[in-house]
Structures are given as structure tokens and as C-alpha cells.
C-alpha atoms as a PDB file:
ATOM      1  CA  UNK A   1      29.789 -32.763 -41.723  1.00  0.00           C
ATOM      2  CA  UNK A   2      28.650 -34.621 -44.653  1.00  0.00           C
ATOM      3  CA  UNK A   3      30.986 -37.556 -43.742  1.00  0.00           C
ATOM      4  CA  UNK A   4      29.548 -37.711 -40.340  1.00  0.00           C
ATOM      5  CA  UNK A   5      25.919 -37.702 -41.484  1.00  0.00           C
ATOM      6  CA  UNK A   6      26.677 -40.404 -44.162  1.00  0.00           C
ATOM      7  CA  UNK A   7      28.946 -42.587 -42.222  1.00  0.00           C
ATOM      8  CA  UNK A   8      28.374 -42.191 -38.417  1.00  0.00           C
ATOM      9  CA  UNK A   9      24.608 -42.187 -38.242  1.00  0.00           C
ATOM     10  CA  UNK A  10      22.832 -45.415 -37.657  1.00  0.00           C
ATOM     11  CA  UNK A  11      19.412 -45.929 -36.119  1.00  0.00           C
ATOM     12  CA  UNK A  12      18.039 -49.363 -36.287  1.00  0.00           C
ATOM     13  CA  UNK A  13      14.489 -49.975 -36.940  1.00  0.00           C
ATOM     14  CA  UNK A  14      12.801 -52.574 -34.853  1.00  0.00           C
ATOM     15  CA  UNK A  15       9.172 -53.719 -34.659  1.00  0.00           C
ATOM     16  CA  UNK A  16       6.959 -51.484 -32.608  1.00  0.00           C
ATOM     17  CA  UNK A  17       6.408 -54.374 -30.148  1.00  0.00           C
ATOM     18  CA  UNK A  18      10.160 -54.527 -29.449  1.00  0.00           C
ATOM     19  CA  UNK A  19      10.346 -50.726 -28.984  1.00  0.00           C
ATOM     20  CA  UNK A  20       7.311 -50.546 -26.663  1.00  0.00           C
ATOM     21  CA  UNK A  21       9.332 -52.556 -24.088  1.00  0.00           C
ATOM     22  CA  UNK A  22      11.650 -49.697 -22.801  1.00  0.00           C
ATOM     23  CA  UNK A  23      13.808 -52.155 -20.773  1.00  0.00           C
ATOM     24  CA  UNK A  24      14.681 -54.119 -23.828  1.00  0.00           C
ATOM     25  CA  UNK A  25      18.304 -53.912 -25.107  1.00  0.00           C
ATOM     26  CA  UNK A  26      17.029 -53.106 -28.572  1.00  0.00           C
ATOM     27  CA  UNK A  27      14.886 -50.239 -27.391  1.00  0.00           C
ATOM     28  CA  UNK A  28      17.646 -48.721 -25.323  1.00  0.00           C
ATOM     29  CA  UNK A  29      20.074 -49.071 -28.183  1.00  0.00           C
ATOM     30  CA  UNK A  30      17.632 -47.376 -30.670  1.00  0.00           C
ATOM     31  CA  UNK A  31      16.885 -44.537 -28.132  1.00  0.00           C
ATOM     32  CA  UNK A  32      20.657 -43.805 -27.764  1.00  0.00           C
ATOM     33  CA  UNK A  33      21.188 -43.760 -31.497  1.00  0.00           C
ATOM     34  CA  UNK A  34      18.233 -41.390 -31.911  1.00  0.00           C
ATOM     35  CA  UNK A  35      19.488 -38.937 -29.368  1.00  0.00           C
ATOM     36  CA  UNK A  36      22.884 -39.033 -30.831  1.00  0.00           C
ATOM     37  CA  UNK A  37      21.574 -38.284 -34.241  1.00  0.00           C
ATOM     38  CA  UNK A  38      19.541 -35.402 -32.824  1.00  0.00           C
ATOM     39  CA  UNK A  39      22.552 -34.012 -31.320  1.00  0.00           C
ATOM     40  CA  UNK A  40      24.392 -34.166 -34.664  1.00  0.00           C
ATOM     41  CA  UNK A  41      21.251 -32.366 -36.183  1.00  0.00           C
ATOM     42  CA  UNK A  42      21.611 -29.601 -33.611  1.00  0.00           C
ATOM     43  CA  UNK A  43      25.301 -29.253 -34.355  1.00  0.00           C
ATOM     44  CA  UNK A  44      24.773 -29.160 -38.116  1.00  0.00           C
ATOM     45  CA  UNK A  45      22.135 -26.428 -37.948  1.00  0.00           C
ATOM     46  CA  UNK A  46      24.502 -24.290 -35.899  1.00  0.00           C
ATOM     47  CA  UNK A  47      26.545 -23.862 -39.062  1.00  0.00           C
ATOM     48  CA  UNK A  48      23.641 -21.987 -40.508  1.00  0.00           C
ATOM     49  CA  UNK A  49      24.757 -18.612 -41.771  1.00  0.00           C
ATOM     50  CA  UNK A  50      28.408 -19.858 -41.799  1.00  0.00           C
ATOM     51  CA  UNK A  51      27.952 -22.473 -44.385  1.00  0.00           C
ATOM     52  CA  UNK A  52      25.453 -22.081 -47.327  1.00  0.00           C
ATOM     53  CA  UNK A  53      21.988 -22.524 -46.154  1.00  0.00           C
ATOM     54  CA  UNK A  54      21.014 -25.078 -48.849  1.00  0.00           C
ATOM     55  CA  UNK A  55      23.935 -27.253 -47.703  1.00  0.00           C
ATOM     56  CA  UNK A  56      22.915 -27.032 -44.122  1.00  0.00           C
ATOM     57  CA  UNK A  57      19.289 -27.886 -44.874  1.00  0.00           C
ATOM     58  CA  UNK A  58      20.286 -30.849 -47.115  1.00  0.00           C
ATOM     59  CA  UNK A  59      22.431 -32.310 -44.509  1.00  0.00           C
ATOM     60  CA  UNK A  60      20.263 -31.503 -41.518  1.00  0.00           C
ATOM     61  CA  UNK A  61      16.711 -31.914 -42.946  1.00  0.00           C
ATOM     62  CA  UNK A  62      16.941 -34.113 -46.081  1.00  0.00           C
ATOM     63  CA  UNK A  63      19.507 -36.445 -44.770  1.00  0.00           C
ATOM     64  CA  UNK A  64      19.289 -36.447 -40.932  1.00  0.00           C
ATOM     65  CA  UNK A  65      15.708 -35.623 -40.364  1.00  0.00           C
ATOM     66  CA  UNK A  66      14.072 -37.369 -43.062  1.00  0.00           C
ATOM     67  CA  UNK A  67      16.243 -40.324 -43.467  1.00  0.00           C
ATOM     68  CA  UNK A  68      16.874 -41.270 -39.849  1.00  0.00           C
ATOM     69  CA  UNK A  69      15.062 -39.203 -37.187  1.00  0.00           C
ATOM     70  CA  UNK A  70      11.651 -39.133 -38.633  1.00  0.00           C
ATOM     71  CA  UNK A  71      11.583 -42.822 -39.276  1.00  0.00           C
ATOM     72  CA  UNK A  72      12.419 -43.339 -35.598  1.00  0.00           C
ATOM     73  CA  UNK A  73       9.671 -40.820 -34.489  1.00  0.00           C
ATOM     74  CA  UNK A  74       7.147 -42.580 -36.630  1.00  0.00           C
ATOM     75  CA  UNK A  75       7.999 -46.008 -35.175  1.00  0.00           C
ATOM     76  CA  UNK A  76       7.761 -44.511 -31.627  1.00  0.00           C
ATOM     77  CA  UNK A  77       4.378 -45.277 -29.946  1.00  0.00           C
ATOM     78  CA  UNK A  78       2.259 -42.256 -29.560  1.00  0.00           C
ATOM     79  CA  UNK A  79       2.663 -40.651 -26.184  1.00  0.00           C
ATOM     80  CA  UNK A  80       5.072 -38.431 -24.192  1.00  0.00           C
ATOM     81  CA  UNK A  81       8.177 -39.973 -25.809  1.00  0.00           C
ATOM     82  CA  UNK A  82       6.992 -39.241 -29.224  1.00  0.00           C
ATOM     83  CA  UNK A  83       6.009 -35.621 -28.231  1.00  0.00           C
ATOM     84  CA  UNK A  84       9.379 -35.062 -26.556  1.00  0.00           C
ATOM     85  CA  UNK A  85      11.255 -36.255 -29.688  1.00  0.00           C
ATOM     86  CA  UNK A  86       9.177 -33.817 -31.849  1.00  0.00           C
ATOM     87  CA  UNK A  87       9.672 -30.996 -29.602  1.00  0.00           C
ATOM     88  CA  UNK A  88      13.559 -31.556 -29.518  1.00  0.00           C
ATOM     89  CA  UNK A  89      13.635 -31.767 -33.373  1.00  0.00           C
ATOM     90  CA  UNK A  90      11.592 -28.529 -33.843  1.00  0.00           C
ATOM     91  CA  UNK A  91      13.707 -26.759 -31.214  1.00  0.00           C
ATOM     92  CA  UNK A  92      16.796 -27.383 -33.244  1.00  0.00           C
ATOM     93  CA  UNK A  93      15.519 -25.539 -36.294  1.00  0.00           C
ATOM     94  CA  UNK A  94      16.650 -21.915 -36.894  1.00  0.00           C
ATOM     95  CA  UNK A  95      13.613 -19.506 -36.771  1.00  0.00           C
ATOM     96  CA  UNK A  96      14.898 -17.541 -39.701  1.00  0.00           C
ATOM     97  CA  UNK A  97      14.261 -20.431 -42.049  1.00  0.00           C
ATOM     98  CA  UNK A  98      10.574 -19.755 -41.379  1.00  0.00           C
ATOM     99  CA  UNK A  99      10.463 -15.955 -41.514  1.00  0.00           C
ATOM    100  CA  UNK A 100       9.543 -15.742 -45.315  1.00  0.00           C
ATOM    101  CA  UNK A 101       6.801 -18.479 -45.315  1.00  0.00           C
ATOM    102  CA  UNK A 102       3.215 -17.729 -45.850  1.00  0.00           C
ATOM    103  CA  UNK A 103       0.805 -18.734 -42.990  1.00  0.00           C
ATOM    104  CA  UNK A 104       0.074 -22.436 -42.964  1.00  0.00           C
ATOM    105  CA  UNK A 105       3.014 -23.424 -45.117  1.00  0.00           C
ATOM    106  CA  UNK A 106       6.311 -25.046 -44.211  1.00  0.00           C
ATOM    107  CA  UNK A 107       9.622 -26.020 -45.705  1.00  0.00           C
ATOM    108  CA  UNK A 108       9.422 -28.612 -48.310  1.00  0.00           C
ATOM    109  CA  UNK A 109      11.840 -30.843 -46.343  1.00  0.00           C
ATOM    110  CA  UNK A 110       9.558 -30.649 -43.282  1.00  0.00           C
ATOM    111  CA  UNK A 111       6.343 -31.792 -45.014  1.00  0.00           C
ATOM    112  CA  UNK A 112       6.494 -35.363 -43.661  1.00  0.00           C
ATOM    113  CA  UNK A 113       7.168 -34.103 -40.012  1.00  0.00           C
ATOM    114  CA  UNK A 114       4.399 -31.519 -40.448  1.00  0.00           C
ATOM    115  CA  UNK A 115       1.966 -34.164 -41.495  1.00  0.00           C
ATOM    116  CA  UNK A 116       2.958 -36.418 -38.562  1.00  0.00           C
ATOM    117  CA  UNK A 117       2.446 -33.499 -36.111  1.00  0.00           C
ATOM    118  CA  UNK A 118      -0.916 -32.751 -37.606  1.00  0.00           C
ATOM    119  CA  UNK A 119      -2.114 -36.267 -36.949  1.00  0.00           C
END
């Protein structure tokens, strides 16, 4: 899994003006790479409770989410596409990771996503 995350994931960052044109090849390529990385995130978190939780969270949240997916989300113009991406990311996360949290708090690895969602 670590090798896949480190060597197979690539999401290019283009200027927002390029991404706003959904018909451009750059925009389409970036979108395909985002959804591919999101699928990898969902597969990584499936290993929760089989592989040590800290390893799964490091690969899934610290590396995939914060290094690749969140940058793409932040670069996506606000609207339905951005909301859909955020919903899909949140849907991947195991509920048990949040059971012991106090109200209003989140996992340290999710602080940036949480701040984006609040905005």
C-alpha cells in the first residue's frame, strides 16, 4: 500500500482558470487522477482493524488526503463539484475513528479539511 501511495499517485495542479473549463484536457486529466486517488484512499481505509490503525491513518490521511486530495479540493472552484469531492472523502472515513472524540473536535490529520468545510 505504501508503495502505491508513494509511487502511483499523481494529481497535477493547474491554475484555477484552467480547471474551471471542464472541457479542457488538463481539467479532465486532473479529475481522473483525483477520483483514482480517492478510490485508493477508500481501499486503504478498508484495511483498518486489519493493519495497525496508525499505519492506515498515516497512509490514508497524512499522505493521500493531505498531500494530494485536499490540494485538489482547495483548487476546485466552489460549487457542486467541490461539495461532491468533500462528501466522497468523508464517506471513506471509518466511523470508529471518531467515536472517542469530544464534541467539536476532529482528528489532527483532518484539521485542514475541517477548516475548509467550515469555510
